[in-house]
Amino acid sequence: MERPQDLIHLATTTIKEEKIVISARGDHALVNKPEAHIADLRGQQIITHSKDTYLYHIIVNSCRRAGFEPHIIFNSSDVSLLKKLLIRGRGIFVTAEHTLSDIALYPEIRAAPVEDPDLKWHVCFVYPRNRKLSCVARLFMNYILAAYDRASLNA
C-alpha cells in the first residue's frame, strides 16, 4: 500500500480494502473484458476524483510506474458529477468499487476491476505510532473493526 512520507511516525490499521475499477459506457472496449490493467488507461480520457484525494494519487502514480502520464480530462470531489459525466460518455471513470455501488441503476454503464495487487483503495485508522491509544479510542476502533470482520486491536 502506498503511503505518504509524512505517515512514517503514524501507525495504521486497515478497516477495509477495495479494488480500483475502470468504468465506462457499455460500448467501450475496456469494460467488456473480464479484467483491466493500468496500462489499458494509456491514451484514454480519464475522469476521476480531485487532486487532493488518495485515489487520485494512487491512479496517477500507478500510471507513471506503468510508463505513461494519464490523460485526466476532469477531476472533482463531486462524485455525482463524475457519474453524470460517465453516463454521458465523457470519459473513463477510475475509482474505488464502492463509488459504483449503484451501478445497477445505470444499465448503460459497465465496470471492470483493475487487476493489480498493489492498486487498492484502503480505509484505515491512522494514529500516532509511539502513543498509547485511550480506552475509548480502542473501544471505538474495535467496534468498527468487528463490523468489518477484522481482527481487534491489542490492548
N, C-alpha and C. Protein backbone atom coordinates (compact mmCIF):
# COMPACT_ATOMS: atom_id res chain seq x y z
N MET A 1 0.85 -1.18 0.00
CA MET A 1 0.00 0.00 0.00
C MET A 1 0.89 1.24 0.00
N GLU A 2 0.58 2.19 -0.88
CA GLU A 2 1.31 3.45 -0.90
C GLU A 2 0.89 4.30 0.28
N ARG A 3 1.86 4.92 0.90
CA ARG A 3 1.56 5.82 2.00
C ARG A 3 2.42 7.07 1.83
N PRO A 4 1.85 8.24 2.11
CA PRO A 4 2.66 9.46 2.06
C PRO A 4 3.80 9.37 3.06
N GLN A 5 4.90 10.05 2.76
CA GLN A 5 6.08 10.00 3.62
C GLN A 5 5.82 10.55 5.01
N ASP A 6 4.88 11.48 5.16
CA ASP A 6 4.63 12.04 6.48
C ASP A 6 3.91 11.08 7.42
N LEU A 7 3.59 9.88 6.95
CA LEU A 7 2.96 8.89 7.81
C LEU A 7 3.97 7.96 8.49
N ILE A 8 5.24 8.24 8.33
CA ILE A 8 6.28 7.39 8.92
C ILE A 8 6.11 7.27 10.44
N HIS A 9 5.71 8.35 11.08
CA HIS A 9 5.57 8.36 12.54
C HIS A 9 4.16 7.99 12.99
N LEU A 10 3.37 7.52 12.04
CA LEU A 10 2.00 7.14 12.35
C LEU A 10 1.79 5.65 12.10
N ALA A 11 0.91 5.07 12.87
CA ALA A 11 0.54 3.67 12.67
C ALA A 11 -0.80 3.64 11.94
N THR A 12 -1.04 2.57 11.21
CA THR A 12 -2.32 2.42 10.52
C THR A 12 -2.89 1.04 10.81
N THR A 13 -4.21 0.99 10.86
CA THR A 13 -4.93 -0.27 10.96
C THR A 13 -5.98 -0.26 9.86
N THR A 14 -5.88 -1.20 8.94
CA THR A 14 -6.80 -1.25 7.81
C THR A 14 -8.17 -1.72 8.25
N ILE A 15 -9.18 -0.98 7.85
CA ILE A 15 -10.57 -1.36 8.11
C ILE A 15 -11.08 -2.20 6.94
N LYS A 16 -10.83 -1.71 5.73
CA LYS A 16 -11.23 -2.48 4.55
C LYS A 16 -10.41 -2.06 3.36
N GLU A 17 -10.36 -2.94 2.37
CA GLU A 17 -9.68 -2.68 1.09
C GLU A 17 -10.69 -2.89 -0.02
N GLU A 18 -10.51 -2.14 -1.09
CA GLU A 18 -11.35 -2.33 -2.26
C GLU A 18 -10.48 -2.28 -3.51
N LYS A 19 -10.96 -2.96 -4.54
CA LYS A 19 -10.29 -2.88 -5.83
C LYS A 19 -10.60 -1.54 -6.49
N ILE A 20 -9.69 -1.13 -7.32
CA ILE A 20 -9.92 0.02 -8.18
C ILE A 20 -10.60 -0.51 -9.44
N VAL A 21 -11.60 0.22 -9.94
CA VAL A 21 -12.32 -0.21 -11.13
C VAL A 21 -12.28 0.87 -12.20
N ILE A 22 -12.34 0.40 -13.43
CA ILE A 22 -12.47 1.27 -14.59
C ILE A 22 -13.92 1.13 -15.04
N SER A 23 -14.60 2.25 -15.17
CA SER A 23 -16.00 2.19 -15.60
C SER A 23 -16.19 3.11 -16.81
N ALA A 24 -17.08 2.67 -17.69
CA ALA A 24 -17.37 3.42 -18.91
C ALA A 24 -18.71 2.96 -19.45
N ARG A 25 -19.16 3.62 -20.48
CA ARG A 25 -20.38 3.16 -21.15
C ARG A 25 -20.14 1.75 -21.68
N GLY A 26 -21.18 0.97 -21.76
CA GLY A 26 -21.09 -0.44 -22.11
C GLY A 26 -20.48 -0.73 -23.47
N ASP A 27 -20.45 0.26 -24.37
CA ASP A 27 -19.88 0.02 -25.69
C ASP A 27 -18.37 0.25 -25.74
N HIS A 28 -17.76 0.61 -24.61
CA HIS A 28 -16.31 0.84 -24.57
C HIS A 28 -15.58 -0.49 -24.39
N ALA A 29 -14.55 -0.71 -25.18
CA ALA A 29 -13.82 -1.98 -25.18
C ALA A 29 -13.21 -2.34 -23.82
N LEU A 30 -12.78 -1.35 -23.06
CA LEU A 30 -12.11 -1.64 -21.78
C LEU A 30 -13.01 -2.33 -20.76
N VAL A 31 -14.28 -2.03 -20.78
CA VAL A 31 -15.18 -2.61 -19.78
C VAL A 31 -15.88 -3.87 -20.27
N ASN A 32 -15.53 -4.31 -21.45
CA ASN A 32 -16.10 -5.55 -21.97
C ASN A 32 -15.11 -6.70 -21.85
N LYS A 33 -14.07 -6.48 -21.06
CA LYS A 33 -13.09 -7.51 -20.76
C LYS A 33 -13.35 -7.97 -19.32
N PRO A 34 -12.97 -9.19 -18.97
CA PRO A 34 -13.19 -9.65 -17.59
C PRO A 34 -12.37 -8.88 -16.56
N GLU A 35 -11.24 -8.33 -16.99
CA GLU A 35 -10.39 -7.54 -16.09
C GLU A 35 -9.65 -6.50 -16.90
N ALA A 36 -9.25 -5.44 -16.23
CA ALA A 36 -8.49 -4.38 -16.88
C ALA A 36 -7.13 -4.28 -16.21
N HIS A 37 -6.24 -3.60 -16.87
CA HIS A 37 -4.90 -3.36 -16.33
C HIS A 37 -4.62 -1.88 -16.42
N ILE A 38 -3.76 -1.39 -15.54
CA ILE A 38 -3.48 0.04 -15.52
C ILE A 38 -2.95 0.50 -16.89
N ALA A 39 -2.22 -0.36 -17.58
CA ALA A 39 -1.69 0.00 -18.90
C ALA A 39 -2.81 0.27 -19.91
N ASP A 40 -4.01 -0.29 -19.67
CA ASP A 40 -5.15 -0.05 -20.55
C ASP A 40 -5.59 1.40 -20.55
N LEU A 41 -5.16 2.16 -19.57
CA LEU A 41 -5.55 3.57 -19.48
C LEU A 41 -4.70 4.48 -20.36
N ARG A 42 -3.63 3.94 -20.91
CA ARG A 42 -2.76 4.75 -21.77
C ARG A 42 -3.58 5.32 -22.93
N GLY A 43 -3.53 6.65 -23.06
CA GLY A 43 -4.22 7.32 -24.16
C GLY A 43 -5.71 7.52 -23.97
N GLN A 44 -6.26 7.04 -22.86
CA GLN A 44 -7.70 7.17 -22.61
C GLN A 44 -8.00 8.49 -21.92
N GLN A 45 -9.20 9.01 -22.15
CA GLN A 45 -9.65 10.21 -21.45
C GLN A 45 -10.23 9.78 -20.11
N ILE A 46 -9.58 10.23 -19.03
CA ILE A 46 -9.91 9.76 -17.69
C ILE A 46 -10.60 10.86 -16.90
N ILE A 47 -11.67 10.48 -16.21
CA ILE A 47 -12.28 11.35 -15.20
C ILE A 47 -12.11 10.64 -13.86
N THR A 48 -11.77 11.43 -12.85
CA THR A 48 -11.53 10.82 -11.55
C THR A 48 -11.67 11.85 -10.43
N HIS A 49 -11.35 11.43 -9.25
CA HIS A 49 -11.50 12.24 -8.05
C HIS A 49 -10.52 13.42 -8.05
N SER A 50 -10.76 14.37 -7.16
CA SER A 50 -9.94 15.58 -7.11
C SER A 50 -8.50 15.28 -6.71
N LYS A 51 -7.63 16.24 -7.01
CA LYS A 51 -6.19 16.07 -6.79
C LYS A 51 -5.81 15.92 -5.32
N ASP A 52 -6.68 16.30 -4.43
CA ASP A 52 -6.34 16.20 -3.01
C ASP A 52 -6.79 14.88 -2.38
N THR A 53 -7.16 13.91 -3.21
CA THR A 53 -7.60 12.62 -2.68
C THR A 53 -6.53 11.55 -2.87
N TYR A 54 -6.58 10.57 -2.01
CA TYR A 54 -5.68 9.41 -2.09
C TYR A 54 -5.90 8.67 -3.41
N LEU A 55 -7.16 8.52 -3.82
CA LEU A 55 -7.47 7.80 -5.06
C LEU A 55 -6.79 8.44 -6.26
N TYR A 56 -6.85 9.74 -6.36
CA TYR A 56 -6.21 10.45 -7.48
C TYR A 56 -4.73 10.09 -7.54
N HIS A 57 -4.07 10.16 -6.41
CA HIS A 57 -2.61 9.95 -6.39
C HIS A 57 -2.23 8.50 -6.67
N ILE A 58 -3.00 7.53 -6.18
CA ILE A 58 -2.62 6.15 -6.49
C ILE A 58 -2.84 5.84 -7.97
N ILE A 59 -3.85 6.45 -8.57
CA ILE A 59 -4.09 6.24 -10.01
C ILE A 59 -2.97 6.87 -10.83
N VAL A 60 -2.65 8.12 -10.54
CA VAL A 60 -1.59 8.82 -11.28
C VAL A 60 -0.25 8.10 -11.09
N ASN A 61 0.08 7.74 -9.86
CA ASN A 61 1.35 7.07 -9.60
C ASN A 61 1.42 5.69 -10.26
N SER A 62 0.31 4.97 -10.30
CA SER A 62 0.29 3.66 -10.97
C SER A 62 0.52 3.81 -12.47
N CYS A 63 -0.10 4.82 -13.06
CA CYS A 63 0.11 5.07 -14.49
C CYS A 63 1.58 5.41 -14.76
N ARG A 64 2.15 6.24 -13.93
CA ARG A 64 3.56 6.63 -14.11
C ARG A 64 4.48 5.42 -13.98
N ARG A 65 4.20 4.53 -13.00
CA ARG A 65 5.01 3.32 -12.87
C ARG A 65 4.87 2.43 -14.10
N ALA A 66 3.71 2.50 -14.77
CA ALA A 66 3.49 1.71 -15.98
C ALA A 66 4.11 2.39 -17.21
N GLY A 67 4.71 3.56 -17.01
CA GLY A 67 5.45 4.22 -18.08
C GLY A 67 4.70 5.26 -18.88
N PHE A 68 3.62 5.79 -18.35
CA PHE A 68 2.91 6.84 -19.08
C PHE A 68 2.25 7.82 -18.12
N GLU A 69 1.96 8.99 -18.64
CA GLU A 69 1.26 10.02 -17.89
C GLU A 69 -0.23 9.90 -18.22
N PRO A 70 -1.10 9.77 -17.21
CA PRO A 70 -2.52 9.62 -17.51
C PRO A 70 -3.10 10.90 -18.12
N HIS A 71 -4.04 10.74 -19.02
CA HIS A 71 -4.71 11.88 -19.66
C HIS A 71 -6.01 12.16 -18.89
N ILE A 72 -5.86 12.89 -17.79
CA ILE A 72 -7.01 13.20 -16.95
C ILE A 72 -7.67 14.46 -17.50
N ILE A 73 -8.90 14.28 -17.99
CA ILE A 73 -9.60 15.42 -18.60
C ILE A 73 -10.46 16.16 -17.59
N PHE A 74 -10.80 15.50 -16.48
CA PHE A 74 -11.62 16.15 -15.47
C PHE A 74 -11.44 15.43 -14.14
N ASN A 75 -11.34 16.22 -13.07
CA ASN A 75 -11.35 15.64 -11.73
C ASN A 75 -12.18 16.52 -10.82
N SER A 76 -12.81 15.90 -9.86
CA SER A 76 -13.71 16.62 -8.96
C SER A 76 -13.92 15.83 -7.68
N SER A 77 -14.29 16.54 -6.63
CA SER A 77 -14.67 15.87 -5.39
C SER A 77 -16.16 15.54 -5.39
N ASP A 78 -16.87 15.99 -6.41
CA ASP A 78 -18.31 15.74 -6.53
C ASP A 78 -18.54 14.44 -7.31
N VAL A 79 -18.75 13.35 -6.58
CA VAL A 79 -18.90 12.04 -7.20
C VAL A 79 -20.13 11.99 -8.10
N SER A 80 -21.20 12.66 -7.72
CA SER A 80 -22.40 12.64 -8.57
C SER A 80 -22.12 13.32 -9.92
N LEU A 81 -21.31 14.36 -9.93
CA LEU A 81 -20.93 15.00 -11.19
C LEU A 81 -20.07 14.05 -12.04
N LEU A 82 -19.14 13.35 -11.39
CA LEU A 82 -18.30 12.39 -12.12
C LEU A 82 -19.15 11.29 -12.73
N LYS A 83 -20.15 10.82 -12.00
CA LYS A 83 -21.05 9.79 -12.52
C LYS A 83 -21.86 10.31 -13.70
N LYS A 84 -22.30 11.56 -13.64
CA LYS A 84 -23.05 12.16 -14.75
C LYS A 84 -22.19 12.23 -16.01
N LEU A 85 -20.92 12.61 -15.84
CA LEU A 85 -20.00 12.63 -16.98
C LEU A 85 -19.82 11.22 -17.54
N LEU A 86 -19.71 10.25 -16.67
CA LEU A 86 -19.56 8.85 -17.08
C LEU A 86 -20.78 8.40 -17.88
N ILE A 87 -21.95 8.67 -17.36
CA ILE A 87 -23.19 8.27 -18.03
C ILE A 87 -23.31 8.91 -19.41
N ARG A 88 -22.81 10.13 -19.53
CA ARG A 88 -22.86 10.83 -20.82
C ARG A 88 -21.72 10.43 -21.75
N GLY A 89 -20.88 9.50 -21.32
CA GLY A 89 -19.81 9.01 -22.17
C GLY A 89 -18.67 9.97 -22.36
N ARG A 90 -18.43 10.82 -21.38
CA ARG A 90 -17.38 11.84 -21.49
C ARG A 90 -15.98 11.33 -21.16
N GLY A 91 -15.87 10.10 -20.73
CA GLY A 91 -14.56 9.55 -20.40
C GLY A 91 -14.69 8.28 -19.60
N ILE A 92 -13.56 7.79 -19.16
CA ILE A 92 -13.50 6.59 -18.33
C ILE A 92 -13.35 7.06 -16.89
N PHE A 93 -14.19 6.54 -16.03
CA PHE A 93 -14.15 6.89 -14.61
C PHE A 93 -13.33 5.83 -13.89
N VAL A 94 -12.26 6.25 -13.23
CA VAL A 94 -11.41 5.34 -12.47
C VAL A 94 -11.64 5.67 -11.00
N THR A 95 -12.05 4.66 -10.24
CA THR A 95 -12.47 4.90 -8.86
C THR A 95 -12.39 3.62 -8.04
N ALA A 96 -12.71 3.72 -6.77
CA ALA A 96 -12.85 2.55 -5.90
C ALA A 96 -14.22 1.93 -6.15
N GLU A 97 -14.32 0.62 -5.99
CA GLU A 97 -15.56 -0.07 -6.36
C GLU A 97 -16.78 0.40 -5.58
N HIS A 98 -16.63 0.86 -4.34
CA HIS A 98 -17.81 1.30 -3.57
C HIS A 98 -18.49 2.51 -4.20
N THR A 99 -17.74 3.31 -4.93
CA THR A 99 -18.29 4.50 -5.58
C THR A 99 -19.38 4.13 -6.58
N LEU A 100 -19.27 2.93 -7.13
CA LEU A 100 -20.23 2.48 -8.13
C LEU A 100 -21.23 1.48 -7.56
N SER A 101 -21.51 1.58 -6.28
CA SER A 101 -22.44 0.63 -5.65
C SER A 101 -23.84 0.71 -6.26
N ASP A 102 -24.15 1.82 -6.88
CA ASP A 102 -25.47 1.98 -7.51
C ASP A 102 -25.43 1.78 -9.03
N ILE A 103 -24.41 1.11 -9.52
CA ILE A 103 -24.23 0.93 -10.97
C ILE A 103 -25.41 0.22 -11.62
N ALA A 104 -26.11 -0.63 -10.88
CA ALA A 104 -27.26 -1.35 -11.44
C ALA A 104 -28.36 -0.38 -11.90
N LEU A 105 -28.36 0.83 -11.36
CA LEU A 105 -29.34 1.83 -11.78
C LEU A 105 -29.06 2.38 -13.17
N TYR A 106 -27.87 2.13 -13.67
CA TYR A 106 -27.44 2.67 -14.96
C TYR A 106 -27.02 1.52 -15.88
N PRO A 107 -27.96 0.92 -16.58
CA PRO A 107 -27.64 -0.25 -17.40
C PRO A 107 -26.65 0.05 -18.53
N GLU A 108 -26.48 1.31 -18.87
CA GLU A 108 -25.53 1.66 -19.94
C GLU A 108 -24.08 1.71 -19.45
N ILE A 109 -23.86 1.56 -18.14
CA ILE A 109 -22.52 1.63 -17.56
C ILE A 109 -22.05 0.24 -17.15
N ARG A 110 -20.80 -0.03 -17.46
CA ARG A 110 -20.17 -1.28 -17.02
C ARG A 110 -18.85 -0.94 -16.33
N ALA A 111 -18.40 -1.87 -15.52
CA ALA A 111 -17.15 -1.66 -14.80
C ALA A 111 -16.31 -2.93 -14.87
N ALA A 112 -15.01 -2.75 -14.88
CA ALA A 112 -14.07 -3.87 -14.86
C ALA A 112 -13.02 -3.58 -13.78
N PRO A 113 -12.73 -4.57 -12.94
CA PRO A 113 -11.71 -4.36 -11.91
C PRO A 113 -10.33 -4.25 -12.53
N VAL A 114 -9.51 -3.40 -11.93
CA VAL A 114 -8.11 -3.28 -12.36
C VAL A 114 -7.34 -4.36 -11.62
N GLU A 115 -6.77 -5.28 -12.37
CA GLU A 115 -6.04 -6.39 -11.77
C GLU A 115 -4.59 -5.98 -11.54
N ASP A 116 -4.33 -5.50 -10.35
CA ASP A 116 -3.00 -5.10 -9.92
C ASP A 116 -3.00 -5.24 -8.40
N PRO A 117 -2.23 -6.18 -7.86
CA PRO A 117 -2.27 -6.42 -6.42
C PRO A 117 -1.85 -5.20 -5.59
N ASP A 118 -1.09 -4.28 -6.18
CA ASP A 118 -0.65 -3.11 -5.44
C ASP A 118 -1.60 -1.93 -5.57
N LEU A 119 -2.61 -2.06 -6.41
CA LEU A 119 -3.52 -0.95 -6.66
C LEU A 119 -4.86 -1.22 -5.97
N LYS A 120 -4.94 -0.76 -4.73
CA LYS A 120 -6.15 -0.95 -3.94
C LYS A 120 -6.43 0.34 -3.18
N TRP A 121 -7.69 0.51 -2.85
CA TRP A 121 -8.11 1.63 -2.02
C TRP A 121 -8.24 1.10 -0.61
N HIS A 122 -7.64 1.79 0.34
CA HIS A 122 -7.64 1.35 1.73
C HIS A 122 -8.37 2.36 2.61
N VAL A 123 -9.21 1.84 3.49
CA VAL A 123 -9.80 2.67 4.54
C VAL A 123 -9.09 2.25 5.82
N CYS A 124 -8.47 3.21 6.48
CA CYS A 124 -7.64 2.89 7.64
C CYS A 124 -7.89 3.85 8.80
N PHE A 125 -7.60 3.36 9.98
CA PHE A 125 -7.42 4.24 11.12
C PHE A 125 -5.96 4.66 11.08
N VAL A 126 -5.69 5.91 11.36
CA VAL A 126 -4.32 6.42 11.43
C VAL A 126 -4.16 7.07 12.79
N TYR A 127 -3.08 6.71 13.49
CA TYR A 127 -2.89 7.22 14.85
C TYR A 127 -1.39 7.25 15.14
N PRO A 128 -0.97 8.05 16.14
CA PRO A 128 0.46 8.16 16.46
C PRO A 128 1.06 6.80 16.82
N ARG A 129 2.20 6.49 16.24
CA ARG A 129 2.85 5.20 16.44
C ARG A 129 3.36 5.03 17.88
N ASN A 130 3.85 6.08 18.48
CA ASN A 130 4.51 5.97 19.78
C ASN A 130 3.65 6.45 20.94
N ARG A 131 2.34 6.51 20.74
CA ARG A 131 1.47 6.95 21.82
C ARG A 131 0.39 5.89 22.05
N LYS A 132 0.15 5.59 23.32
CA LYS A 132 -0.87 4.59 23.64
C LYS A 132 -2.26 5.18 23.40
N LEU A 133 -3.11 4.39 22.76
CA LEU A 133 -4.48 4.83 22.50
C LEU A 133 -5.30 4.80 23.77
N SER A 134 -6.22 5.73 23.90
CA SER A 134 -7.11 5.74 25.06
C SER A 134 -8.04 4.54 24.99
N CYS A 135 -8.61 4.22 26.11
CA CYS A 135 -9.56 3.10 26.18
C CYS A 135 -10.74 3.35 25.25
N VAL A 136 -11.23 4.57 25.21
CA VAL A 136 -12.37 4.92 24.36
C VAL A 136 -12.00 4.78 22.88
N ALA A 137 -10.80 5.23 22.51
CA ALA A 137 -10.36 5.12 21.12
C ALA A 137 -10.25 3.65 20.71
N ARG A 138 -9.65 2.83 21.56
CA ARG A 138 -9.53 1.40 21.26
C ARG A 138 -10.90 0.74 21.15
N LEU A 139 -11.82 1.10 22.06
CA LEU A 139 -13.16 0.55 22.05
C LEU A 139 -13.87 0.90 20.72
N PHE A 140 -13.78 2.17 20.32
CA PHE A 140 -14.39 2.60 19.06
C PHE A 140 -13.78 1.87 17.87
N MET A 141 -12.45 1.82 17.83
CA MET A 141 -11.77 1.16 16.72
C MET A 141 -12.14 -0.32 16.66
N ASN A 142 -12.18 -0.99 17.79
CA ASN A 142 -12.54 -2.40 17.81
C ASN A 142 -13.99 -2.62 17.37
N TYR A 143 -14.85 -1.69 17.73
CA TYR A 143 -16.25 -1.77 17.29
C TYR A 143 -16.33 -1.72 15.75
N ILE A 144 -15.63 -0.77 15.16
CA ILE A 144 -15.62 -0.63 13.70
C ILE A 144 -14.95 -1.84 13.06
N LEU A 145 -13.83 -2.28 13.59
CA LEU A 145 -13.13 -3.44 13.03
C LEU A 145 -14.01 -4.69 13.09
N ALA A 146 -14.75 -4.86 14.16
CA ALA A 146 -15.64 -6.02 14.28
C ALA A 146 -16.75 -5.96 13.22
N ALA A 147 -17.22 -4.77 12.93
CA ALA A 147 -18.27 -4.61 11.91
C ALA A 147 -17.77 -5.04 10.53
N TYR A 148 -16.46 -4.95 10.31
CA TYR A 148 -15.87 -5.36 9.04
C TYR A 148 -15.15 -6.70 9.14
N ASP A 149 -15.42 -7.45 10.20
CA ASP A 149 -14.80 -8.76 10.41
C ASP A 149 -13.28 -8.70 10.37
N ARG A 150 -12.73 -7.68 10.98
CA ARG A 150 -11.28 -7.54 11.08
C ARG A 150 -10.84 -7.87 12.51
N ALA A 151 -9.61 -8.26 12.66
CA ALA A 151 -9.07 -8.57 13.99
C ALA A 151 -9.04 -7.31 14.85
N SER A 152 -9.34 -7.47 16.12
CA SER A 152 -9.34 -6.35 17.05
C SER A 152 -7.92 -5.92 17.36
N LEU A 153 -7.81 -4.68 17.84
CA LEU A 153 -6.53 -4.16 18.29
C LEU A 153 -6.18 -4.79 19.63
N ASN A 154 -4.90 -4.95 19.87
CA ASN A 154 -4.45 -5.42 21.20
C ASN A 154 -4.61 -4.28 22.20
N ALA A 155 -4.76 -4.62 23.44
CA ALA A 155 -4.96 -3.62 24.50
C ALA A 155 -3.79 -2.71 24.68
